[in-house]
Amino acid sequence: MAKAKRKSKSPRRKRNKLGVKNSLVNNINARKKKGISRSKKKKTIAKKAYAKKKNNWKE
């Protein structure tokens, strides 16, 4: 008979490339600490893109 695999007692937590657990808040804070947060220009959506998106909203 084959032996059953045992699970380790301490589970390994998955980490992303920033070295933190995947969550929006953790990712934002990790980027802040590393000094690689996005500029204001890259954070905001363009007026043209927003208008296009707004046209598809159901009222």
N, C-alpha and C. Protein backbone atom coordinates (compact mmCIF):
# COMPACT_ATOMS: atom_id res chain seq x y z
N MET A 1 0.82 -1.19 0.00
CA MET A 1 0.00 0.00 0.00
C MET A 1 0.87 1.25 0.00
N ALA A 2 0.39 2.25 -0.68
CA ALA A 2 1.10 3.52 -0.73
C ALA A 2 0.79 4.33 0.53
N LYS A 3 1.79 5.03 0.99
CA LYS A 3 1.59 5.86 2.18
C LYS A 3 0.86 7.14 1.81
N ALA A 4 -0.02 7.58 2.67
CA ALA A 4 -0.74 8.83 2.44
C ALA A 4 0.17 10.01 2.77
N LYS A 5 0.07 11.05 1.97
CA LYS A 5 0.87 12.24 2.22
C LYS A 5 0.28 13.01 3.39
N ARG A 6 1.14 13.48 4.26
CA ARG A 6 0.69 14.27 5.40
C ARG A 6 0.85 15.75 5.09
N LYS A 7 -0.13 16.50 5.53
CA LYS A 7 -0.03 17.95 5.37
C LYS A 7 0.85 18.50 6.48
N SER A 8 1.63 19.50 6.13
CA SER A 8 2.48 20.11 7.15
C SER A 8 1.60 20.89 8.13
N LYS A 9 2.09 21.02 9.35
CA LYS A 9 1.30 21.66 10.40
C LYS A 9 1.17 23.17 10.17
N SER A 10 2.21 23.81 9.67
CA SER A 10 2.13 25.24 9.43
C SER A 10 1.95 25.49 7.93
N PRO A 11 0.78 25.96 7.54
CA PRO A 11 0.55 26.17 6.10
C PRO A 11 1.37 27.33 5.56
N ARG A 12 1.83 27.18 4.34
CA ARG A 12 2.61 28.25 3.70
C ARG A 12 1.64 29.28 3.16
N ARG A 13 1.89 30.50 3.45
CA ARG A 13 1.03 31.57 2.96
C ARG A 13 1.52 32.02 1.60
N LYS A 14 0.61 32.18 0.69
CA LYS A 14 0.99 32.62 -0.65
C LYS A 14 1.30 34.11 -0.62
N ARG A 15 2.38 34.46 -1.27
CA ARG A 15 2.82 35.85 -1.31
C ARG A 15 2.91 36.27 -2.77
N ASN A 16 2.70 37.53 -3.02
CA ASN A 16 2.84 38.04 -4.38
C ASN A 16 4.25 38.58 -4.59
N LYS A 17 4.49 39.22 -5.73
CA LYS A 17 5.85 39.70 -6.03
C LYS A 17 6.32 40.82 -5.12
N LEU A 18 5.38 41.46 -4.41
CA LEU A 18 5.76 42.50 -3.45
C LEU A 18 6.12 41.90 -2.09
N GLY A 19 5.87 40.61 -1.92
CA GLY A 19 6.21 39.93 -0.68
C GLY A 19 5.15 40.04 0.40
N VAL A 20 3.90 40.37 0.00
CA VAL A 20 2.80 40.47 0.96
C VAL A 20 1.66 39.56 0.52
N LYS A 21 0.77 39.28 1.46
CA LYS A 21 -0.41 38.49 1.16
C LYS A 21 -1.29 39.28 0.18
N ASN A 22 -1.90 38.59 -0.77
CA ASN A 22 -2.70 39.27 -1.78
C ASN A 22 -3.96 39.89 -1.20
N SER A 23 -3.97 41.21 -1.16
CA SER A 23 -5.17 41.97 -0.83
C SER A 23 -4.91 43.39 -1.31
N LEU A 24 -5.97 44.09 -1.62
CA LEU A 24 -5.82 45.44 -2.17
C LEU A 24 -5.06 46.35 -1.22
N VAL A 25 -5.43 46.34 0.05
CA VAL A 25 -4.80 47.22 1.04
C VAL A 25 -3.33 46.85 1.22
N ASN A 26 -3.02 45.56 1.32
CA ASN A 26 -1.63 45.13 1.47
C ASN A 26 -0.79 45.55 0.28
N ASN A 27 -1.35 45.40 -0.93
CA ASN A 27 -0.60 45.77 -2.13
C ASN A 27 -0.33 47.27 -2.17
N ILE A 28 -1.33 48.08 -1.83
CA ILE A 28 -1.15 49.53 -1.83
C ILE A 28 -0.08 49.94 -0.82
N ASN A 29 -0.17 49.40 0.39
CA ASN A 29 0.80 49.75 1.44
C ASN A 29 2.21 49.28 1.08
N ALA A 30 2.32 48.10 0.48
CA ALA A 30 3.64 47.58 0.11
C ALA A 30 4.26 48.47 -0.97
N ARG A 31 3.45 48.90 -1.93
CA ARG A 31 3.96 49.78 -2.99
C ARG A 31 4.41 51.12 -2.40
N LYS A 32 3.66 51.62 -1.42
CA LYS A 32 4.04 52.88 -0.76
C LYS A 32 5.39 52.74 -0.08
N LYS A 33 5.55 51.65 0.68
CA LYS A 33 6.80 51.43 1.42
C LYS A 33 7.99 51.31 0.49
N LYS A 34 7.79 50.68 -0.67
CA LYS A 34 8.89 50.50 -1.62
C LYS A 34 9.11 51.72 -2.50
N GLY A 35 8.18 52.68 -2.43
CA GLY A 35 8.33 53.90 -3.21
C GLY A 35 8.03 53.72 -4.69
N ILE A 36 7.17 52.76 -5.02
CA ILE A 36 6.84 52.51 -6.42
C ILE A 36 5.36 52.70 -6.70
N SER A 37 4.72 53.57 -5.91
CA SER A 37 3.31 53.82 -6.14
C SER A 37 3.14 54.60 -7.44
N ARG A 38 1.97 54.48 -8.04
CA ARG A 38 1.71 55.10 -9.33
C ARG A 38 1.52 56.61 -9.22
N SER A 39 1.90 57.30 -10.26
CA SER A 39 1.73 58.76 -10.28
C SER A 39 0.26 59.10 -10.44
N LYS A 40 -0.10 60.34 -10.14
CA LYS A 40 -1.48 60.81 -10.27
C LYS A 40 -1.97 60.65 -11.71
N LYS A 41 -1.10 60.90 -12.65
CA LYS A 41 -1.47 60.79 -14.06
C LYS A 41 -1.90 59.37 -14.41
N LYS A 42 -1.23 58.37 -13.87
CA LYS A 42 -1.55 56.98 -14.18
C LYS A 42 -2.71 56.44 -13.34
N LYS A 43 -3.04 57.11 -12.24
CA LYS A 43 -4.12 56.65 -11.37
C LYS A 43 -5.49 56.98 -11.92
N THR A 44 -5.60 58.13 -12.58
CA THR A 44 -6.92 58.60 -12.99
C THR A 44 -7.28 58.07 -14.37
N ILE A 45 -8.57 57.97 -14.61
CA ILE A 45 -9.05 57.50 -15.89
C ILE A 45 -9.20 58.71 -16.83
N ALA A 46 -8.94 58.52 -18.10
CA ALA A 46 -9.05 59.60 -19.07
C ALA A 46 -10.52 59.98 -19.27
N LYS A 47 -10.77 61.25 -19.57
CA LYS A 47 -12.14 61.72 -19.76
C LYS A 47 -12.83 60.99 -20.89
N LYS A 48 -12.07 60.71 -21.94
CA LYS A 48 -12.62 60.01 -23.11
C LYS A 48 -13.04 58.59 -22.72
N ALA A 49 -12.20 57.89 -21.97
CA ALA A 49 -12.49 56.53 -21.55
C ALA A 49 -13.68 56.50 -20.58
N TYR A 50 -13.73 57.49 -19.68
CA TYR A 50 -14.84 57.56 -18.72
C TYR A 50 -16.16 57.80 -19.43
N ALA A 51 -16.16 58.68 -20.42
CA ALA A 51 -17.38 58.98 -21.19
C ALA A 51 -17.87 57.73 -21.93
N LYS A 52 -16.93 56.99 -22.50
CA LYS A 52 -17.28 55.76 -23.21
C LYS A 52 -17.88 54.74 -22.25
N LYS A 53 -17.28 54.63 -21.07
CA LYS A 53 -17.76 53.69 -20.05
C LYS A 53 -19.14 54.11 -19.56
N LYS A 54 -19.34 55.42 -19.39
CA LYS A 54 -20.60 55.95 -18.88
C LYS A 54 -21.75 55.65 -19.85
N ASN A 55 -21.46 55.65 -21.15
CA ASN A 55 -22.48 55.36 -22.15
C ASN A 55 -23.02 53.94 -22.03
N ASN A 56 -22.21 53.04 -21.50
CA ASN A 56 -22.63 51.64 -21.37
C ASN A 56 -23.36 51.33 -20.07
N TRP A 57 -23.42 52.30 -19.16
CA TRP A 57 -24.12 52.09 -17.89
C TRP A 57 -25.62 52.02 -18.13
N LYS A 58 -26.26 51.16 -17.37
CA LYS A 58 -27.72 51.07 -17.45
C LYS A 58 -28.33 51.96 -16.37
N GLU A 59 -29.30 52.72 -16.75
CA GLU A 59 -29.92 53.65 -15.80
C GLU A 59 -31.18 53.07 -15.19
